[in-house]
Amino acid sequence: PRAYRPLIHIDDLVKVYGLILEMPNPPAVLNVSAQNYSIGDLAHEIKDTLSELVPDLELVDKKAHDPRSYFVDNRLMTGLFGEWDYVTIPQAVNELIEHFPITDRATWSDSNWINVDVYRKRIGL
């Protein structure tokens, strides 16, 4: 089974929060997401965005056993606030590149920056 993650850029999230604060009767619960991405599709989109800067970048499937999958239904959010042009994955990646050195590739594989590795260390796996 494919694992999904709902993603939204912080700028879009702040916009949603602002719209909620303006509502006289906001919903008690609201799924907030620009889009649901499979982890594989997300990895490919990031790789494609980085392809010019890092032409030899390869995706590595670590076969991590992570059964979590979060696919959210954001129809209520869209119904309340309509559609807009969310920040895309390539836009977000390029924003990160502007603020973090892409040339320091040694840190990319540092386990301190890989969530699953950090949690494995914390629980003693």
PDB file of N, CA and C in Angstrom:
ATOM      1  N   PRO A   1       0.824  -1.207   0.000  1.00  0.00           N
ATOM      2  CA  PRO A   1       0.000   0.000   0.000  1.00  0.00           C
ATOM      3  C   PRO A   1       0.860   1.260   0.000  1.00  0.00           C
ATOM      4  N   ARG A   2       0.379   2.270  -0.675  1.00  0.00           N
ATOM      5  CA  ARG A   2       1.108   3.531  -0.738  1.00  0.00           C
ATOM      6  C   ARG A   2       0.810   4.379   0.497  1.00  0.00           C
ATOM      7  N   ALA A   3       1.839   4.975   1.039  1.00  0.00           N
ATOM      8  CA  ALA A   3       1.681   5.859   2.195  1.00  0.00           C
ATOM      9  C   ALA A   3       1.513   7.289   1.706  1.00  0.00           C
ATOM     10  N   TYR A   4       0.537   7.985   2.269  1.00  0.00           N
ATOM     11  CA  TYR A   4       0.240   9.355   1.856  1.00  0.00           C
ATOM     12  C   TYR A   4       0.507  10.339   2.982  1.00  0.00           C
ATOM     13  N   ARG A   5       0.818  11.552   2.583  1.00  0.00           N
ATOM     14  CA  ARG A   5       0.980  12.651   3.515  1.00  0.00           C
ATOM     15  C   ARG A   5       0.238  13.872   2.959  1.00  0.00           C
ATOM     16  N   PRO A   6      -0.614  14.480   3.787  1.00  0.00           N
ATOM     17  CA  PRO A   6      -1.250  15.736   3.371  1.00  0.00           C
ATOM     18  C   PRO A   6      -0.259  16.871   3.622  1.00  0.00           C
ATOM     19  N   LEU A   7      -0.062  17.703   2.629  1.00  0.00           N
ATOM     20  CA  LEU A   7       0.915  18.783   2.769  1.00  0.00           C
ATOM     21  C   LEU A   7       0.276  20.131   2.486  1.00  0.00           C
ATOM     22  N   ILE A   8       0.793  21.133   3.172  1.00  0.00           N
ATOM     23  CA  ILE A   8       0.411  22.516   2.904  1.00  0.00           C
ATOM     24  C   ILE A   8       1.582  23.391   3.337  1.00  0.00           C
ATOM     25  N   HIS A   9       1.872  24.390   2.561  1.00  0.00           N
ATOM     26  CA  HIS A   9       2.961  25.323   2.869  1.00  0.00           C
ATOM     27  C   HIS A   9       2.506  26.235   4.003  1.00  0.00           C
ATOM     28  N   ILE A  10       3.441  26.675   4.806  1.00  0.00           N
ATOM     29  CA  ILE A  10       3.112  27.520   5.956  1.00  0.00           C
ATOM     30  C   ILE A  10       2.387  28.799   5.519  1.00  0.00           C
ATOM     31  N   ASP A  11       2.731  29.363   4.372  1.00  0.00           N
ATOM     32  CA  ASP A  11       2.041  30.568   3.906  1.00  0.00           C
ATOM     33  C   ASP A  11       0.556  30.286   3.644  1.00  0.00           C
ATOM     34  N   ASP A  12       0.272  29.128   3.060  1.00  0.00           N
ATOM     35  CA  ASP A  12      -1.119  28.751   2.815  1.00  0.00           C
ATOM     36  C   ASP A  12      -1.839  28.438   4.122  1.00  0.00           C
ATOM     37  N   LEU A  13      -1.147  27.824   5.052  1.00  0.00           N
ATOM     38  CA  LEU A  13      -1.740  27.510   6.347  1.00  0.00           C
ATOM     39  C   LEU A  13      -2.116  28.790   7.096  1.00  0.00           C
ATOM     40  N   VAL A  14      -1.234  29.768   7.060  1.00  0.00           N
ATOM     41  CA  VAL A  14      -1.520  31.051   7.702  1.00  0.00           C
ATOM     42  C   VAL A  14      -2.740  31.704   7.051  1.00  0.00           C
ATOM     43  N   LYS A  15      -2.850  31.579   5.736  1.00  0.00           N
ATOM     44  CA  LYS A  15      -4.023  32.126   5.042  1.00  0.00           C
ATOM     45  C   LYS A  15      -5.305  31.459   5.545  1.00  0.00           C
ATOM     46  N   VAL A  16      -5.279  30.127   5.690  1.00  0.00           N
ATOM     47  CA  VAL A  16      -6.441  29.402   6.205  1.00  0.00           C
ATOM     48  C   VAL A  16      -6.764  29.863   7.623  1.00  0.00           C
ATOM     49  N   TYR A  17      -5.749  29.976   8.481  1.00  0.00           N
ATOM     50  CA  TYR A  17      -5.986  30.435   9.856  1.00  0.00           C
ATOM     51  C   TYR A  17      -6.636  31.823   9.854  1.00  0.00           C
ATOM     52  N   GLY A  18      -6.140  32.716   9.015  1.00  0.00           N
ATOM     53  CA  GLY A  18      -6.718  34.058   8.928  1.00  0.00           C
ATOM     54  C   GLY A  18      -8.182  34.019   8.516  1.00  0.00           C
ATOM     55  N   LEU A  19      -8.512  33.177   7.531  1.00  0.00           N
ATOM     56  CA  LEU A  19      -9.896  33.049   7.087  1.00  0.00           C
ATOM     57  C   LEU A  19     -10.778  32.467   8.187  1.00  0.00           C
ATOM     58  N   ILE A  20     -10.254  31.506   8.939  1.00  0.00           N
ATOM     59  CA  ILE A  20     -11.021  30.925  10.044  1.00  0.00           C
ATOM     60  C   ILE A  20     -11.296  31.978  11.117  1.00  0.00           C
ATOM     61  N   LEU A  21     -10.304  32.792  11.419  1.00  0.00           N
ATOM     62  CA  LEU A  21     -10.479  33.830  12.445  1.00  0.00           C
ATOM     63  C   LEU A  21     -11.533  34.860  12.048  1.00  0.00           C
ATOM     64  N   GLU A  22     -11.759  35.024  10.751  1.00  0.00           N
ATOM     65  CA  GLU A  22     -12.770  35.978  10.275  1.00  0.00           C
ATOM     66  C   GLU A  22     -14.177  35.390  10.270  1.00  0.00           C
ATOM     67  N   MET A  23     -14.298  34.082  10.457  1.00  0.00           N
ATOM     68  CA  MET A  23     -15.606  33.428  10.386  1.00  0.00           C
ATOM     69  C   MET A  23     -16.390  33.632  11.688  1.00  0.00           C
ATOM     70  N   PRO A  24     -17.684  33.961  11.571  1.00  0.00           N
ATOM     71  CA  PRO A  24     -18.492  34.091  12.792  1.00  0.00           C
ATOM     72  C   PRO A  24     -18.729  32.744  13.491  1.00  0.00           C
ATOM     73  N   ASN A  25     -18.856  31.665  12.716  1.00  0.00           N
ATOM     74  CA  ASN A  25     -19.077  30.328  13.269  1.00  0.00           C
ATOM     75  C   ASN A  25     -18.173  29.317  12.574  1.00  0.00           C
ATOM     76  N   PRO A  26     -16.895  29.298  12.959  1.00  0.00           N
ATOM     77  CA  PRO A  26     -15.985  28.360  12.293  1.00  0.00           C
ATOM     78  C   PRO A  26     -16.338  26.917  12.635  1.00  0.00           C
ATOM     79  N   PRO A  27     -15.978  26.005  11.740  1.00  0.00           N
ATOM     80  CA  PRO A  27     -16.231  24.589  12.044  1.00  0.00           C
ATOM     81  C   PRO A  27     -15.377  24.143  13.225  1.00  0.00           C
ATOM     82  N   ALA A  28     -15.881  23.171  13.966  1.00  0.00           N
ATOM     83  CA  ALA A  28     -15.144  22.661  15.128  1.00  0.00           C
ATOM     84  C   ALA A  28     -13.912  21.877  14.696  1.00  0.00           C
ATOM     85  N   VAL A  29     -14.016  21.193  13.557  1.00  0.00           N
ATOM     86  CA  VAL A  29     -12.915  20.392  13.037  1.00  0.00           C
ATOM     87  C   VAL A  29     -12.790  20.683  11.555  1.00  0.00           C
ATOM     88  N   LEU A  30     -11.563  20.835  11.096  1.00  0.00           N
ATOM     89  CA  LEU A  30     -11.343  21.140   9.687  1.00  0.00           C
ATOM     90  C   LEU A  30     -10.032  20.515   9.237  1.00  0.00           C
ATOM     91  N   ASN A  31     -10.079  19.637   8.249  1.00  0.00           N
ATOM     92  CA  ASN A  31      -8.855  19.112   7.648  1.00  0.00           C
ATOM     93  C   ASN A  31      -8.267  20.205   6.767  1.00  0.00           C
ATOM     94  N   VAL A  32      -7.010  20.496   6.972  1.00  0.00           N
ATOM     95  CA  VAL A  32      -6.339  21.540   6.201  1.00  0.00           C
ATOM     96  C   VAL A  32      -5.200  20.898   5.432  1.00  0.00           C
ATOM     97  N   SER A  33      -5.300  20.956   4.105  1.00  0.00           N
ATOM     98  CA  SER A  33      -4.285  20.363   3.249  1.00  0.00           C
ATOM     99  C   SER A  33      -4.403  20.962   1.859  1.00  0.00           C
ATOM    100  N   ALA A  34      -3.272  21.238   1.249  1.00  0.00           N
ATOM    101  CA  ALA A  34      -3.293  21.674  -0.145  1.00  0.00           C
ATOM    102  C   ALA A  34      -3.482  20.471  -1.050  1.00  0.00           C
ATOM    103  N   GLN A  35      -2.799  19.371  -0.694  1.00  0.00           N
ATOM    104  CA  GLN A  35      -2.875  18.167  -1.504  1.00  0.00           C
ATOM    105  C   GLN A  35      -2.324  16.988  -0.716  1.00  0.00           C
ATOM    106  N   ASN A  36      -2.831  15.798  -1.029  1.00  0.00           N
ATOM    107  CA  ASN A  36      -2.293  14.561  -0.476  1.00  0.00           C
ATOM    108  C   ASN A  36      -1.279  14.009  -1.474  1.00  0.00           C
ATOM    109  N   TYR A  37      -0.090  13.696  -0.988  1.00  0.00           N
ATOM    110  CA  TYR A  37       0.959  13.149  -1.847  1.00  0.00           C
ATOM    111  C   TYR A  37       1.347  11.763  -1.353  1.00  0.00           C
ATOM    112  N   SER A  38       1.536  10.833  -2.276  1.00  0.00           N
ATOM    113  CA  SER A  38       2.172   9.592  -1.861  1.00  0.00           C
ATOM    114  C   SER A  38       3.637   9.942  -1.606  1.00  0.00           C
ATOM    115  N   ILE A  39       4.254   9.229  -0.702  1.00  0.00           N
ATOM    116  CA  ILE A  39       5.648   9.533  -0.373  1.00  0.00           C
ATOM    117  C   ILE A  39       6.531   9.373  -1.611  1.00  0.00           C
ATOM    118  N   GLY A  40       6.252   8.365  -2.427  1.00  0.00           N
ATOM    119  CA  GLY A  40       7.028   8.166  -3.655  1.00  0.00           C
ATOM    120  C   GLY A  40       6.857   9.304  -4.641  1.00  0.00           C
ATOM    121  N   ASP A  41       5.621   9.749  -4.846  1.00  0.00           N
ATOM    122  CA  ASP A  41       5.378  10.867  -5.770  1.00  0.00           C
ATOM    123  C   ASP A  41       6.039  12.141  -5.270  1.00  0.00           C
ATOM    124  N   LEU A  42       5.989  12.355  -3.965  1.00  0.00           N
ATOM    125  CA  LEU A  42       6.632  13.518  -3.376  1.00  0.00           C
ATOM    126  C   LEU A  42       8.144  13.470  -3.609  1.00  0.00           C
ATOM    127  N   ALA A  43       8.739  12.308  -3.391  1.00  0.00           N
ATOM    128  CA  ALA A  43      10.188  12.153  -3.603  1.00  0.00           C
ATOM    129  C   ALA A  43      10.555  12.447  -5.052  1.00  0.00           C
ATOM    130  N   HIS A  44       9.772  11.948  -5.987  1.00  0.00           N
ATOM    131  CA  HIS A  44      10.051  12.192  -7.401  1.00  0.00           C
ATOM    132  C   HIS A  44       9.902  13.670  -7.754  1.00  0.00           C
ATOM    133  N   GLU A  45       8.904  14.325  -7.195  1.00  0.00           N
ATOM    134  CA  GLU A  45       8.715  15.742  -7.496  1.00  0.00           C
ATOM    135  C   GLU A  45       9.877  16.574  -6.953  1.00  0.00           C
ATOM    136  N   ILE A  46      10.350  16.231  -5.782  1.00  0.00           N
ATOM    137  CA  ILE A  46      11.505  16.933  -5.208  1.00  0.00           C
ATOM    138  C   ILE A  46      12.744  16.653  -6.045  1.00  0.00           C
ATOM    139  N   LYS A  47      12.956  15.406  -6.423  1.00  0.00           N
ATOM    140  CA  LYS A  47      14.112  15.044  -7.253  1.00  0.00           C
ATOM    141  C   LYS A  47      14.079  15.799  -8.572  1.00  0.00           C
ATOM    142  N   ASP A  48      12.915  15.858  -9.212  1.00  0.00           N
ATOM    143  CA  ASP A  48      12.789  16.580 -10.480  1.00  0.00           C
ATOM    144  C   ASP A  48      13.116  18.059 -10.306  1.00  0.00           C
ATOM    145  N   THR A  49      12.695  18.635  -9.190  1.00  0.00           N
ATOM    146  CA  THR A  49      12.960  20.050  -8.928  1.00  0.00           C
ATOM    147  C   THR A  49      14.453  20.294  -8.732  1.00  0.00           C
ATOM    148  N   LEU A  50      15.133  19.344  -8.132  1.00  0.00           N
ATOM    149  CA  LEU A  50      16.565  19.490  -7.851  1.00  0.00           C
ATOM    150  C   LEU A  50      17.460  19.022  -8.993  1.00  0.00           C
ATOM    151  N   SER A  51      16.884  18.466 -10.048  1.00  0.00           N
ATOM    152  CA  SER A  51      17.678  17.800 -11.085  1.00  0.00           C
ATOM    153  C   SER A  51      18.729  18.691 -11.738  1.00  0.00           C
ATOM    154  N   GLU A  52      18.446  19.960 -11.921  1.00  0.00           N
ATOM    155  CA  GLU A  52      19.454  20.837 -12.539  1.00  0.00           C
ATOM    156  C   GLU A  52      20.604  21.125 -11.581  1.00  0.00           C
ATOM    157  N   LEU A  53      20.297  21.327 -10.296  1.00  0.00           N
ATOM    158  CA  LEU A  53      21.335  21.627  -9.317  1.00  0.00           C
ATOM    159  C   LEU A  53      22.108  20.385  -8.898  1.00  0.00           C
ATOM    160  N   VAL A  54      21.431  19.247  -8.886  1.00  0.00           N
ATOM    161  CA  VAL A  54      22.048  17.998  -8.436  1.00  0.00           C
ATOM    162  C   VAL A  54      21.720  16.916  -9.462  1.00  0.00           C
ATOM    163  N   PRO A  55      22.414  16.923 -10.598  1.00  0.00           N
ATOM    164  CA  PRO A  55      22.053  16.001 -11.672  1.00  0.00           C
ATOM    165  C   PRO A  55      22.253  14.523 -11.336  1.00  0.00           C
ATOM    166  N   ASP A  56      23.131  14.223 -10.387  1.00  0.00           N
ATOM    167  CA  ASP A  56      23.390  12.824 -10.055  1.00  0.00           C
ATOM    168  C   ASP A  56      22.563  12.339  -8.854  1.00  0.00           C
ATOM    169  N   LEU A  57      21.566  13.100  -8.460  1.00  0.00           N
ATOM    170  CA  LEU A  57      20.730  12.737  -7.319  1.00  0.00           C
ATOM    171  C   LEU A  57      19.928  11.470  -7.627  1.00  0.00           C
ATOM    172  N   GLU A  58      19.979  10.518  -6.721  1.00  0.00           N
ATOM    173  CA  GLU A  58      19.244   9.262  -6.891  1.00  0.00           C
ATOM    174  C   GLU A  58      18.305   9.069  -5.719  1.00  0.00           C
ATOM    175  N   LEU A  59      17.157   8.495  -5.997  1.00  0.00           N
ATOM    176  CA  LEU A  59      16.229   8.134  -4.935  1.00  0.00           C
ATOM    177  C   LEU A  59      16.603   6.757  -4.424  1.00  0.00           C
ATOM    178  N   VAL A  60      16.610   6.622  -3.109  1.00  0.00           N
ATOM    179  CA  VAL A  60      16.941   5.353  -2.488  1.00  0.00           C
ATOM    180  C   VAL A  60      15.754   4.934  -1.627  1.00  0.00           C
ATOM    181  N   ASP A  61      15.213   3.772  -1.929  1.00  0.00           N
ATOM    182  CA  ASP A  61      14.114   3.238  -1.134  1.00  0.00           C
ATOM    183  C   ASP A  61      14.719   2.415  -0.010  1.00  0.00           C
ATOM    184  N   LYS A  62      14.635   2.937   1.202  1.00  0.00           N
ATOM    185  CA  LYS A  62      15.230   2.246   2.349  1.00  0.00           C
ATOM    186  C   LYS A  62      14.345   1.123   2.866  1.00  0.00           C
ATOM    187  N   LYS A  63      13.220   0.929   2.235  1.00  0.00           N
ATOM    188  CA  LYS A  63      12.286  -0.131   2.630  1.00  0.00           C
ATOM    189  C   LYS A  63      11.934  -0.021   4.116  1.00  0.00           C
ATOM    190  N   ALA A  64      11.840   1.223   4.595  1.00  0.00           N
ATOM    191  CA  ALA A  64      11.484   1.442   5.994  1.00  0.00           C
ATOM    192  C   ALA A  64      10.056   0.977   6.225  1.00  0.00           C
ATOM    193  N   HIS A  65       9.883   0.188   7.235  1.00  0.00           N
ATOM    194  CA  HIS A  65       8.544  -0.301   7.550  1.00  0.00           C
ATOM    195  C   HIS A  65       7.819   0.793   8.333  1.00  0.00           C
ATOM    196  N   ASP A  66       7.017   1.540   7.629  1.00  0.00           N
ATOM    197  CA  ASP A  66       6.256   2.625   8.235  1.00  0.00           C
ATOM    198  C   ASP A  66       4.829   2.521   7.717  1.00  0.00           C
ATOM    199  N   PRO A  67       3.954   1.890   8.473  1.00  0.00           N
ATOM    200  CA  PRO A  67       2.595   1.652   7.988  1.00  0.00           C
ATOM    201  C   PRO A  67       1.695   2.884   8.015  1.00  0.00           C
ATOM    202  N   ARG A  68       2.211   4.003   8.532  1.00  0.00           N
ATOM    203  CA  ARG A  68       1.370   5.191   8.638  1.00  0.00           C
ATOM    204  C   ARG A  68       1.028   5.753   7.265  1.00  0.00           C
ATOM    205  N   SER A  69      -0.207   6.148   7.119  1.00  0.00           N
ATOM    206  CA  SER A  69      -0.641   6.829   5.915  1.00  0.00           C
ATOM    207  C   SER A  69      -1.745   7.794   6.312  1.00  0.00           C
ATOM    208  N   TYR A  70      -1.608   9.036   5.869  1.00  0.00           N
ATOM    209  CA  TYR A  70      -2.567  10.068   6.251  1.00  0.00           C
ATOM    210  C   TYR A  70      -3.098  10.733   4.994  1.00  0.00           C
ATOM    211  N   PHE A  71      -4.281  10.355   4.608  1.00  0.00           N
ATOM    212  CA  PHE A  71      -4.928  10.940   3.437  1.00  0.00           C
ATOM    213  C   PHE A  71      -6.128  11.700   3.968  1.00  0.00           C
ATOM    214  N   VAL A  72      -6.105  13.027   3.859  1.00  0.00           N
ATOM    215  CA  VAL A  72      -7.196  13.803   4.429  1.00  0.00           C
ATOM    216  C   VAL A  72      -8.137  14.309   3.334  1.00  0.00           C
ATOM    217  N   ASP A  73      -9.376  14.441   3.717  1.00  0.00           N
ATOM    218  CA  ASP A  73     -10.411  14.967   2.836  1.00  0.00           C
ATOM    219  C   ASP A  73     -10.530  16.458   3.129  1.00  0.00           C
ATOM    220  N   ASN A  74     -10.118  17.286   2.184  1.00  0.00           N
ATOM    221  CA  ASN A  74     -10.148  18.726   2.413  1.00  0.00           C
ATOM    222  C   ASN A  74     -11.309  19.412   1.674  1.00  0.00           C
ATOM    223  N   ARG A  75     -12.341  18.645   1.341  1.00  0.00           N
ATOM    224  CA  ARG A  75     -13.488  19.239   0.639  1.00  0.00           C
ATOM    225  C   ARG A  75     -14.188  20.306   1.464  1.00  0.00           C
ATOM    226  N   LEU A  76     -14.268  20.128   2.779  1.00  0.00           N
ATOM    227  CA  LEU A  76     -14.897  21.147   3.620  1.00  0.00           C
ATOM    228  C   LEU A  76     -14.111  22.454   3.530  1.00  0.00           C
ATOM    229  N   MET A  77     -12.803  22.364   3.621  1.00  0.00           N
ATOM    230  CA  MET A  77     -11.965  23.560   3.525  1.00  0.00           C
ATOM    231  C   MET A  77     -12.178  24.253   2.180  1.00  0.00           C
ATOM    232  N   THR A  78     -12.160  23.475   1.103  1.00  0.00           N
ATOM    233  CA  THR A  78     -12.359  24.036  -0.234  1.00  0.00           C
ATOM    234  C   THR A  78     -13.758  24.632  -0.355  1.00  0.00           C
ATOM    235  N   GLY A  79     -14.755  23.962   0.220  1.00  0.00           N
ATOM    236  CA  GLY A  79     -16.116  24.488   0.183  1.00  0.00           C
ATOM    237  C   GLY A  79     -16.255  25.802   0.931  1.00  0.00           C
ATOM    238  N   LEU A  80     -15.540  25.941   2.032  1.00  0.00           N
ATOM    239  CA  LEU A  80     -15.617  27.170   2.832  1.00  0.00           C
ATOM    240  C   LEU A  80     -14.848  28.325   2.206  1.00  0.00           C
ATOM    241  N   PHE A  81     -13.668  28.034   1.678  1.00  0.00           N
ATOM    242  CA  PHE A  81     -12.761  29.096   1.256  1.00  0.00           C
ATOM    243  C   PHE A  81     -12.493  29.141  -0.245  1.00  0.00           C
ATOM    244  N   GLY A  82     -12.988  28.161  -0.984  1.00  0.00           N
ATOM    245  CA  GLY A  82     -12.738  28.123  -2.420  1.00  0.00           C
ATOM    246  C   GLY A  82     -11.341  27.625  -2.743  1.00  0.00           C
ATOM    247  N   GLU A  83     -11.040  27.638  -4.006  1.00  0.00           N
ATOM    248  CA  GLU A  83      -9.719  27.204  -4.482  1.00  0.00           C
ATOM    249  C   GLU A  83      -8.804  28.422  -4.591  1.00  0.00           C
ATOM    250  N   TRP A  84      -7.528  28.221  -4.413  1.00  0.00           N
ATOM    251  CA  TRP A  84      -6.529  29.235  -4.730  1.00  0.00           C
ATOM    252  C   TRP A  84      -5.266  28.531  -5.161  1.00  0.00           C
ATOM    253  N   ASP A  85      -4.324  29.281  -5.635  1.00  0.00           N
ATOM    254  CA  ASP A  85      -3.062  28.697  -6.083  1.00  0.00           C
ATOM    255  C   ASP A  85      -2.161  28.466  -4.875  1.00  0.00           C
ATOM    256  N   TYR A  86      -2.185  27.226  -4.400  1.00  0.00           N
ATOM    257  CA  TYR A  86      -1.340  26.864  -3.271  1.00  0.00           C
ATOM    258  C   TYR A  86       0.123  26.888  -3.686  1.00  0.00           C
ATOM    259  N   VAL A  87       0.993  27.067  -2.694  1.00  0.00           N
ATOM    260  CA  VAL A  87       2.425  26.946  -2.942  1.00  0.00           C
ATOM    261  C   VAL A  87       2.680  25.496  -3.326  1.00  0.00           C
ATOM    262  N   THR A  88       3.355  25.304  -4.445  1.00  0.00           N
ATOM    263  CA  THR A  88       3.617  23.962  -4.968  1.00  0.00           C
ATOM    264  C   THR A  88       4.887  23.374  -4.347  1.00  0.00           C
ATOM    265  N   ILE A  89       5.067  22.090  -4.526  1.00  0.00           N
ATOM    266  CA  ILE A  89       6.287  21.442  -4.036  1.00  0.00           C
ATOM    267  C   ILE A  89       7.530  22.076  -4.675  1.00  0.00           C
ATOM    268  N   PRO A  90       7.573  22.256  -6.009  1.00  0.00           N
ATOM    269  CA  PRO A  90       8.763  22.912  -6.580  1.00  0.00           C
ATOM    270  C   PRO A  90       9.000  24.319  -6.013  1.00  0.00           C
ATOM    271  N   GLN A  91       7.931  25.082  -5.798  1.00  0.00           N
ATOM    272  CA  GLN A  91       8.110  26.415  -5.217  1.00  0.00           C
ATOM    273  C   GLN A  91       8.684  26.321  -3.806  1.00  0.00           C
ATOM    274  N   ALA A  92       8.184  25.389  -3.020  1.00  0.00           N
ATOM    275  CA  ALA A  92       8.676  25.226  -1.648  1.00  0.00           C
ATOM    276  C   ALA A  92      10.133  24.757  -1.637  1.00  0.00           C
ATOM    277  N   VAL A  93      10.468  23.819  -2.530  1.00  0.00           N
ATOM    278  CA  VAL A  93      11.851  23.332  -2.607  1.00  0.00           C
ATOM    279  C   VAL A  93      12.778  24.479  -2.999  1.00  0.00           C
ATOM    280  N   ASN A  94      12.386  25.257  -3.978  1.00  0.00           N
ATOM    281  CA  ASN A  94      13.223  26.387  -4.401  1.00  0.00           C
ATOM    282  C   ASN A  94      13.360  27.431  -3.296  1.00  0.00           C
ATOM    283  N   GLU A  95      12.322  27.596  -2.499  1.00  0.00           N
ATOM    284  CA  GLU A  95      12.398  28.510  -1.362  1.00  0.00           C
ATOM    285  C   GLU A  95      13.427  27.997  -0.343  1.00  0.00           C
ATOM    286  N   LEU A  96      13.412  26.695  -0.099  1.00  0.00           N
ATOM    287  CA  LEU A  96      14.400  26.124   0.819  1.00  0.00           C
ATOM    288  C   LEU A  96      15.824  26.286   0.284  1.00  0.00           C
ATOM    289  N   ILE A  97      15.988  26.092  -1.020  1.00  0.00           N
ATOM    290  CA  ILE A  97      17.310  26.228  -1.634  1.00  0.00           C
ATOM    291  C   ILE A  97      17.845  27.640  -1.443  1.00  0.00           C
ATOM    292  N   GLU A  98      16.956  28.622  -1.500  1.00  0.00           N
ATOM    293  CA  GLU A  98      17.380  30.012  -1.303  1.00  0.00           C
ATOM    294  C   GLU A  98      17.931  30.249   0.099  1.00  0.00           C
ATOM    295  N   HIS A  99      17.460  29.473   1.071  1.00  0.00           N
ATOM    296  CA  HIS A  99      17.809  29.728   2.465  1.00  0.00           C
ATOM    297  C   HIS A  99      18.794  28.735   3.068  1.00  0.00           C
ATOM    298  N   PHE A 100      18.995  27.596   2.419  1.00  0.00           N
ATOM    299  CA  PHE A 100      19.899  26.580   2.950  1.00  0.00           C
ATOM    300  C   PHE A 100      20.890  26.179   1.872  1.00  0.00           C
ATOM    301  N   PRO A 101      22.147  25.987   2.249  1.00  0.00           N
ATOM    302  CA  PRO A 101      23.163  25.647   1.243  1.00  0.00           C
ATOM    303  C   PRO A 101      22.944  24.252   0.661  1.00  0.00           C
ATOM    304  N   ILE A 102      22.725  24.204  -0.629  1.00  0.00           N
ATOM    305  CA  ILE A 102      22.529  22.917  -1.297  1.00  0.00           C
ATOM    306  C   ILE A 102      23.876  22.231  -1.555  1.00  0.00           C
ATOM    307  N   THR A 103      24.954  22.986  -1.444  1.00  0.00           N
ATOM    308  CA  THR A 103      26.275  22.425  -1.725  1.00  0.00           C
ATOM    309  C   THR A 103      26.784  21.540  -0.589  1.00  0.00           C
ATOM    310  N   ASP A 104      26.211  21.657   0.596  1.00  0.00           N
ATOM    311  CA  ASP A 104      26.644  20.862   1.741  1.00  0.00           C
ATOM    312  C   ASP A 104      25.936  19.512   1.732  1.00  0.00           C
ATOM    313  N   ARG A 105      26.248  18.693   0.727  1.00  0.00           N
ATOM    314  CA  ARG A 105      25.518  17.438   0.514  1.00  0.00           C
ATOM    315  C   ARG A 105      25.821  16.378   1.558  1.00  0.00           C
ATOM    316  N   ALA A 106      26.898  16.533   2.312  1.00  0.00           N
ATOM    317  CA  ALA A 106      27.217  15.542   3.343  1.00  0.00           C
ATOM    318  C   ALA A 106      26.124  15.503   4.407  1.00  0.00           C
ATOM    319  N   THR A 107      25.526  16.648   4.706  1.00  0.00           N
ATOM    320  CA  THR A 107      24.491  16.676   5.741  1.00  0.00           C
ATOM    321  C   THR A 107      23.190  16.037   5.274  1.00  0.00           C
ATOM    322  N   TRP A 108      23.004  15.875   3.973  1.00  0.00           N
ATOM    323  CA  TRP A 108      21.758  15.285   3.465  1.00  0.00           C
ATOM    324  C   TRP A 108      21.566  13.870   3.957  1.00  0.00           C
ATOM    325  N   SER A 109      22.655  13.148   4.152  1.00  0.00           N
ATOM    326  CA  SER A 109      22.537  11.767   4.600  1.00  0.00           C
ATOM    327  C   SER A 109      22.804  11.624   6.100  1.00  0.00           C
ATOM    328  N   ASP A 110      22.995  12.731   6.791  1.00  0.00           N
ATOM    329  CA  ASP A 110      23.191  12.710   8.235  1.00  0.00           C
ATOM    330  C   ASP A 110      21.899  12.243   8.886  1.00  0.00           C
ATOM    331  N   SER A 111      21.973  11.182   9.672  1.00  0.00           N
ATOM    332  CA  SER A 111      20.768  10.594  10.261  1.00  0.00           C
ATOM    333  C   SER A 111      20.047  11.549  11.205  1.00  0.00           C
ATOM    334  N   ASN A 112      20.703  12.602  11.653  1.00  0.00           N
ATOM    335  CA  ASN A 112      20.030  13.586  12.504  1.00  0.00           C
ATOM    336  C   ASN A 112      18.976  14.389  11.741  1.00  0.00           C
ATOM    337  N   TRP A 113      19.001  14.322  10.422  1.00  0.00           N
ATOM    338  CA  TRP A 113      18.045  15.067   9.603  1.00  0.00           C
ATOM    339  C   TRP A 113      17.024  14.147   8.934  1.00  0.00           C
ATOM    340  N   ILE A 114      17.057  12.876   9.257  1.00  0.00           N
ATOM    341  CA  ILE A 114      16.130  11.909   8.654  1.00  0.00           C
ATOM    342  C   ILE A 114      15.181  11.448   9.753  1.00  0.00           C
ATOM    343  N   ASN A 115      13.915  11.855   9.642  1.00  0.00           N
ATOM    344  CA  ASN A 115      12.948  11.620  10.723  1.00  0.00           C
ATOM    345  C   ASN A 115      12.916  10.183  11.208  1.00  0.00           C
ATOM    346  N   VAL A 116      12.810   9.246  10.294  1.00  0.00           N
ATOM    347  CA  VAL A 116      12.686   7.849  10.721  1.00  0.00           C
ATOM    348  C   VAL A 116      13.924   7.413  11.492  1.00  0.00           C
ATOM    349  N   ASP A 117      15.104   7.889  11.119  1.00  0.00           N
ATOM    350  CA  ASP A 117      16.335   7.542  11.847  1.00  0.00           C
ATOM    351  C   ASP A 117      16.337   8.165  13.244  1.00  0.00           C
ATOM    352  N   VAL A 118      15.871   9.409  13.342  1.00  0.00           N
ATOM    353  CA  VAL A 118      15.815  10.087  14.642  1.00  0.00           C
ATOM    354  C   VAL A 118      14.911   9.322  15.596  1.00  0.00           C
ATOM    355  N   TYR A 119      13.732   8.933  15.104  1.00  0.00           N
ATOM    356  CA  TYR A 119      12.796   8.214  15.973  1.00  0.00           C
ATOM    357  C   TYR A 119      13.299   6.825  16.327  1.00  0.00           C
ATOM    358  N   ARG A 120      13.969   6.173  15.416  1.00  0.00           N
ATOM    359  CA  ARG A 120      14.559   4.864  15.736  1.00  0.00           C
ATOM    360  C   ARG A 120      15.555   4.983  16.870  1.00  0.00           C
ATOM    361  N   LYS A 121      16.378   6.034  16.825  1.00  0.00           N
ATOM    362  CA  LYS A 121      17.347   6.249  17.898  1.00  0.00           C
ATOM    363  C   LYS A 121      16.631   6.487  19.229  1.00  0.00           C
ATOM    364  N   ARG A 122      15.568   7.284  19.173  1.00  0.00           N
ATOM    365  CA  ARG A 122      14.852   7.626  20.408  1.00  0.00           C
ATOM    366  C   ARG A 122      14.193   6.426  21.068  1.00  0.00           C
ATOM    367  N   ILE A 123      13.720   5.493  20.269  1.00  0.00           N
ATOM    368  CA  ILE A 123      13.050   4.332  20.870  1.00  0.00           C
ATOM    369  C   ILE A 123      13.972   3.129  20.982  1.00  0.00           C
ATOM    370  N   GLY A 124      15.230   3.314  20.584  1.00  0.00           N
ATOM    371  CA  GLY A 124      16.223   2.274  20.774  1.00  0.00           C
ATOM    372  C   GLY A 124      16.201   1.153  19.752  1.00  0.00           C
ATOM    373  N   LEU A 125      15.810   1.447  18.526  1.00  0.00           N
ATOM    374  CA  LEU A 125      15.819   0.428  17.461  1.00  0.00           C
ATOM    375  C   LEU A 125      17.118   0.486  16.685  1.00  0.00           C
TER     376      LEU A 125
END
